[in-house]
């Protein structure tokens, strides 16, 4: 490179927003940096850590009793639970009623098929856990019972 080429390159370098330029051509190599735009790194340039405010946590050591039925009749499938054979009809069972093994306690509709859910053992109905027409999952408790 000729001296005039280097001067032109330096002028171009100053006029542009380039902070660093390096050119290598054969045995010739030139590197230019703008020091004003790139201050040298000093330790005081590191951001100062912001002190963390402590968080007050209250831990409750009391054990919470989750109300789960001792015994229940569960849904054998996913579907919609019905307490009566048709809308407005008398429900299959009511709380306080005693049912025998094999008696129908409700219906689960799955894929437009009405599946009667029967008591698996003699029991007393304590509580109906699912509202009429509500969706149910497989294994979900439908009726809380007390075995006889």
C-alpha atoms as a PDB file:
ATOM      1  CA  UNK A   1       0.000   0.000   0.000  1.00  0.00           C
ATOM      2  CA  UNK A   2       1.169   3.503  -0.786  1.00  0.00           C
ATOM      3  CA  UNK A   3       1.326   6.329   1.707  1.00  0.00           C
ATOM      4  CA  UNK A   4      -1.540   8.156  -0.004  1.00  0.00           C
ATOM      5  CA  UNK A   5      -3.700   5.002   0.213  1.00  0.00           C
ATOM      6  CA  UNK A   6      -3.033   4.824   3.971  1.00  0.00           C
ATOM      7  CA  UNK A   7      -3.911   8.546   4.392  1.00  0.00           C
ATOM      8  CA  UNK A   8      -7.159   8.016   2.444  1.00  0.00           C
ATOM      9  CA  UNK A   9      -7.934   4.973   4.575  1.00  0.00           C
ATOM     10  CA  UNK A  10      -7.317   6.959   7.784  1.00  0.00           C
ATOM     11  CA  UNK A  11      -9.582   9.784   6.545  1.00  0.00           C
ATOM     12  CA  UNK A  12     -12.285   7.250   5.677  1.00  0.00           C
ATOM     13  CA  UNK A  13     -11.841   5.604   9.100  1.00  0.00           C
ATOM     14  CA  UNK A  14     -12.326   8.953  10.898  1.00  0.00           C
ATOM     15  CA  UNK A  15     -15.412   9.899   8.877  1.00  0.00           C
ATOM     16  CA  UNK A  16     -17.259   6.627   9.469  1.00  0.00           C
ATOM     17  CA  UNK A  17     -18.627   5.210  12.707  1.00  0.00           C
ATOM     18  CA  UNK A  18     -16.259   2.250  12.606  1.00  0.00           C
ATOM     19  CA  UNK A  19     -14.466   1.694  15.936  1.00  0.00           C
ATOM     20  CA  UNK A  20     -11.857  -0.773  14.706  1.00  0.00           C
ATOM     21  CA  UNK A  21     -10.395  -1.663  11.320  1.00  0.00           C
ATOM     22  CA  UNK A  22      -7.816  -4.287  10.386  1.00  0.00           C
ATOM     23  CA  UNK A  23      -6.503  -4.844   6.862  1.00  0.00           C
ATOM     24  CA  UNK A  24      -4.027  -7.485   5.759  1.00  0.00           C
ATOM     25  CA  UNK A  25      -2.766  -7.544   2.213  1.00  0.00           C
ATOM     26  CA  UNK A  26       0.160  -9.869   1.532  1.00  0.00           C
ATOM     27  CA  UNK A  27       3.001  -8.888   3.877  1.00  0.00           C
ATOM     28  CA  UNK A  28       1.340  -5.550   4.643  1.00  0.00           C
ATOM     29  CA  UNK A  29      -0.923  -5.325   7.705  1.00  0.00           C
ATOM     30  CA  UNK A  30      -2.567  -2.289   9.317  1.00  0.00           C
ATOM     31  CA  UNK A  31      -4.915  -2.010  12.300  1.00  0.00           C
ATOM     32  CA  UNK A  32      -6.772   1.122  13.425  1.00  0.00           C
ATOM     33  CA  UNK A  33      -8.755   1.668  16.628  1.00  0.00           C
ATOM     34  CA  UNK A  34     -10.589   4.663  17.982  1.00  0.00           C
ATOM     35  CA  UNK A  35      -9.583   4.926  21.645  1.00  0.00           C
ATOM     36  CA  UNK A  36     -11.992   7.795  22.376  1.00  0.00           C
ATOM     37  CA  UNK A  37     -14.961   5.569  21.534  1.00  0.00           C
ATOM     38  CA  UNK A  38     -13.648   2.546  23.387  1.00  0.00           C
ATOM     39  CA  UNK A  39     -12.425   3.470  26.871  1.00  0.00           C
ATOM     40  CA  UNK A  40     -10.087   1.041  28.496  1.00  0.00           C
ATOM     41  CA  UNK A  41     -11.597  -1.289  31.032  1.00  0.00           C
ATOM     42  CA  UNK A  42     -11.048  -0.351  34.650  1.00  0.00           C
ATOM     43  CA  UNK A  43     -12.303  -2.143  37.767  1.00  0.00           C
ATOM     44  CA  UNK A  44     -14.461   0.822  38.768  1.00  0.00           C
ATOM     45  CA  UNK A  45     -16.495   0.314  35.574  1.00  0.00           C
ATOM     46  CA  UNK A  46     -18.006  -2.886  36.995  1.00  0.00           C
ATOM     47  CA  UNK A  47     -21.582  -2.453  38.132  1.00  0.00           C
ATOM     48  CA  UNK A  48     -22.008  -2.263  41.872  1.00  0.00           C
ATOM     49  CA  UNK A  49     -24.245  -5.061  43.154  1.00  0.00           C
ATOM     50  CA  UNK A  50     -27.500  -3.831  44.613  1.00  0.00           C
ATOM     51  CA  UNK A  51     -28.011  -5.118  48.159  1.00  0.00           C
ATOM     52  CA  UNK A  52     -30.862  -7.577  48.333  1.00  0.00           C
ATOM     53  CA  UNK A  53     -33.775  -6.850  50.631  1.00  0.00           C
ATOM     54  CA  UNK A  54     -34.497  -9.852  52.856  1.00  0.00           C
ATOM     55  CA  UNK A  55     -37.846 -11.539  52.387  1.00  0.00           C
ATOM     56  CA  UNK A  56     -39.744 -12.503  55.504  1.00  0.00           C
ATOM     57  CA  UNK A  57     -41.246 -15.959  55.239  1.00  0.00           C
ATOM     58  CA  UNK A  58     -43.754 -17.432  57.630  1.00  0.00           C
ATOM     59  CA  UNK A  59     -43.739 -21.198  57.721  1.00  0.00           C
ATOM     60  CA  UNK A  60     -46.850 -22.927  58.942  1.00  0.00           C
ATOM     61  CA  UNK A  61     -45.846 -26.174  60.615  1.00  0.00           C
ATOM     62  CA  UNK A  62     -49.432 -27.270  61.172  1.00  0.00           C
ATOM     63  CA  UNK A  63     -50.518 -30.215  59.082  1.00  0.00           C
ATOM     64  CA  UNK A  64     -53.630 -29.552  57.067  1.00  0.00           C
ATOM     65  CA  UNK A  65     -56.105 -32.367  56.958  1.00  0.00           C
ATOM     66  CA  UNK A  66     -57.386 -32.849  53.449  1.00  0.00           C
ATOM     67  CA  UNK A  67     -60.949 -34.028  53.500  1.00  0.00           C
ATOM     68  CA  UNK A  68     -60.945 -37.219  51.485  1.00  0.00           C
ATOM     69  CA  UNK A  69     -63.672 -39.747  51.821  1.00  0.00           C
ATOM     70  CA  UNK A  70     -62.754 -42.913  53.698  1.00  0.00           C
ATOM     71  CA  UNK A  71     -64.717 -44.908  51.169  1.00  0.00           C
ATOM     72  CA  UNK A  72     -66.137 -43.813  47.867  1.00  0.00           C
ATOM     73  CA  UNK A  73     -67.596 -45.123  44.683  1.00  0.00           C
ATOM     74  CA  UNK A  74     -65.413 -43.901  41.824  1.00  0.00           C
ATOM     75  CA  UNK A  75     -66.038 -43.302  38.156  1.00  0.00           C
ATOM     76  CA  UNK A  76     -64.829 -46.193  35.986  1.00  0.00           C
ATOM     77  CA  UNK A  77     -64.473 -43.867  32.973  1.00  0.00           C
ATOM     78  CA  UNK A  78     -64.310 -40.309  31.696  1.00  0.00           C
ATOM     79  CA  UNK A  79     -67.686 -38.788  30.912  1.00  0.00           C
ATOM     80  CA  UNK A  80     -70.615 -36.797  32.298  1.00  0.00           C
ATOM     81  CA  UNK A  81     -72.201 -37.797  35.614  1.00  0.00           C
ATOM     82  CA  UNK A  82     -75.978 -37.833  36.086  1.00  0.00           C
ATOM     83  CA  UNK A  83     -77.771 -38.448  39.403  1.00  0.00           C
ATOM     84  CA  UNK A  84     -81.102 -39.421  37.783  1.00  0.00           C
ATOM     85  CA  UNK A  85     -82.169 -41.504  34.782  1.00  0.00           C
ATOM     86  CA  UNK A  86     -83.625 -38.425  33.031  1.00  0.00           C
ATOM     87  CA  UNK A  87     -83.967 -34.682  33.645  1.00  0.00           C
ATOM     88  CA  UNK A  88     -86.540 -34.005  36.366  1.00  0.00           C
ATOM     89  CA  UNK A  89     -86.685 -37.665  37.435  1.00  0.00           C
ATOM     90  CA  UNK A  90     -86.120 -38.874  40.981  1.00  0.00           C
ATOM     91  CA  UNK A  91     -82.370 -39.289  41.770  1.00  0.00           C
ATOM     92  CA  UNK A  92     -80.988 -42.806  42.067  1.00  0.00           C
ATOM     93  CA  UNK A  93     -79.649 -42.158  45.597  1.00  0.00           C
ATOM     94  CA  UNK A  94     -79.785 -39.457  48.283  1.00  0.00           C
ATOM     95  CA  UNK A  95     -77.493 -38.778  51.257  1.00  0.00           C
ATOM     96  CA  UNK A  96     -78.485 -40.991  54.200  1.00  0.00           C
ATOM     97  CA  UNK A  97     -79.887 -43.716  51.970  1.00  0.00           C
ATOM     98  CA  UNK A  98     -78.654 -47.303  52.317  1.00  0.00           C
ATOM     99  CA  UNK A  99     -77.906 -49.188  49.094  1.00  0.00           C
ATOM    100  CA  UNK A 100     -77.071 -52.813  48.387  1.00  0.00           C
ATOM    101  CA  UNK A 101     -74.278 -54.122  46.206  1.00  0.00           C
ATOM    102  CA  UNK A 102     -75.320 -53.872  42.543  1.00  0.00           C
ATOM    103  CA  UNK A 103     -77.853 -51.035  42.968  1.00  0.00           C
ATOM    104  CA  UNK A 104     -77.441 -48.111  40.569  1.00  0.00           C
ATOM    105  CA  UNK A 105     -76.100 -44.938  42.197  1.00  0.00           C
ATOM    106  CA  UNK A 106     -75.746 -42.818  39.021  1.00  0.00           C
ATOM    107  CA  UNK A 107     -74.993 -42.727  35.316  1.00  0.00           C
ATOM    108  CA  UNK A 108     -71.824 -41.742  33.470  1.00  0.00           C
ATOM    109  CA  UNK A 109     -72.429 -40.824  29.843  1.00  0.00           C
ATOM    110  CA  UNK A 110     -69.447 -41.556  27.628  1.00  0.00           C
ATOM    111  CA  UNK A 111     -69.574 -41.250  23.841  1.00  0.00           C
ATOM    112  CA  UNK A 112     -73.407 -41.019  23.879  1.00  0.00           C
ATOM    113  CA  UNK A 113     -73.660 -44.288  25.828  1.00  0.00           C
ATOM    114  CA  UNK A 114     -75.335 -44.208  29.245  1.00  0.00           C
ATOM    115  CA  UNK A 115     -73.326 -46.392  31.652  1.00  0.00           C
ATOM    116  CA  UNK A 116     -75.018 -47.265  34.931  1.00  0.00           C
ATOM    117  CA  UNK A 117     -72.678 -47.025  37.918  1.00  0.00           C
ATOM    118  CA  UNK A 118     -73.483 -49.649  40.534  1.00  0.00           C
ATOM    119  CA  UNK A 119     -72.554 -49.856  44.193  1.00  0.00           C
ATOM    120  CA  UNK A 120     -69.605 -52.216  44.591  1.00  0.00           C
ATOM    121  CA  UNK A 121     -70.653 -53.159  48.149  1.00  0.00           C
ATOM    122  CA  UNK A 122     -73.440 -52.584  50.668  1.00  0.00           C
ATOM    123  CA  UNK A 123     -73.119 -49.038  51.942  1.00  0.00           C
ATOM    124  CA  UNK A 124     -74.756 -45.907  53.287  1.00  0.00           C
ATOM    125  CA  UNK A 125     -74.574 -42.801  51.069  1.00  0.00           C
ATOM    126  CA  UNK A 126     -72.906 -39.979  53.013  1.00  0.00           C
ATOM    127  CA  UNK A 127     -72.529 -37.375  50.295  1.00  0.00           C
ATOM    128  CA  UNK A 128     -72.853 -37.004  46.535  1.00  0.00           C
ATOM    129  CA  UNK A 129     -69.543 -35.432  45.500  1.00  0.00           C
ATOM    130  CA  UNK A 130     -70.320 -34.524  41.863  1.00  0.00           C
ATOM    131  CA  UNK A 131     -73.150 -32.256  40.721  1.00  0.00           C
ATOM    132  CA  UNK A 132     -75.636 -33.478  38.140  1.00  0.00           C
ATOM    133  CA  UNK A 133     -74.382 -32.987  34.572  1.00  0.00           C
ATOM    134  CA  UNK A 134     -70.768 -32.337  35.575  1.00  0.00           C
ATOM    135  CA  UNK A 135     -67.793 -33.915  33.764  1.00  0.00           C
ATOM    136  CA  UNK A 136     -65.865 -36.627  35.608  1.00  0.00           C
ATOM    137  CA  UNK A 137     -62.433 -38.188  35.196  1.00  0.00           C
ATOM    138  CA  UNK A 138     -61.431 -41.825  35.441  1.00  0.00           C
ATOM    139  CA  UNK A 139     -61.109 -42.818  39.109  1.00  0.00           C
ATOM    140  CA  UNK A 140     -62.782 -39.635  40.378  1.00  0.00           C
ATOM    141  CA  UNK A 141     -64.867 -40.099  43.552  1.00  0.00           C
ATOM    142  CA  UNK A 142     -68.562 -39.764  42.709  1.00  0.00           C
ATOM    143  CA  UNK A 143     -70.237 -40.670  45.993  1.00  0.00           C
ATOM    144  CA  UNK A 144     -68.846 -40.726  49.538  1.00  0.00           C
ATOM    145  CA  UNK A 145     -70.055 -43.803  51.356  1.00  0.00           C
ATOM    146  CA  UNK A 146     -69.764 -45.706  54.604  1.00  0.00           C
ATOM    147  CA  UNK A 147     -69.432 -49.474  54.140  1.00  0.00           C
ATOM    148  CA  UNK A 148     -71.950 -51.617  55.969  1.00  0.00           C
END
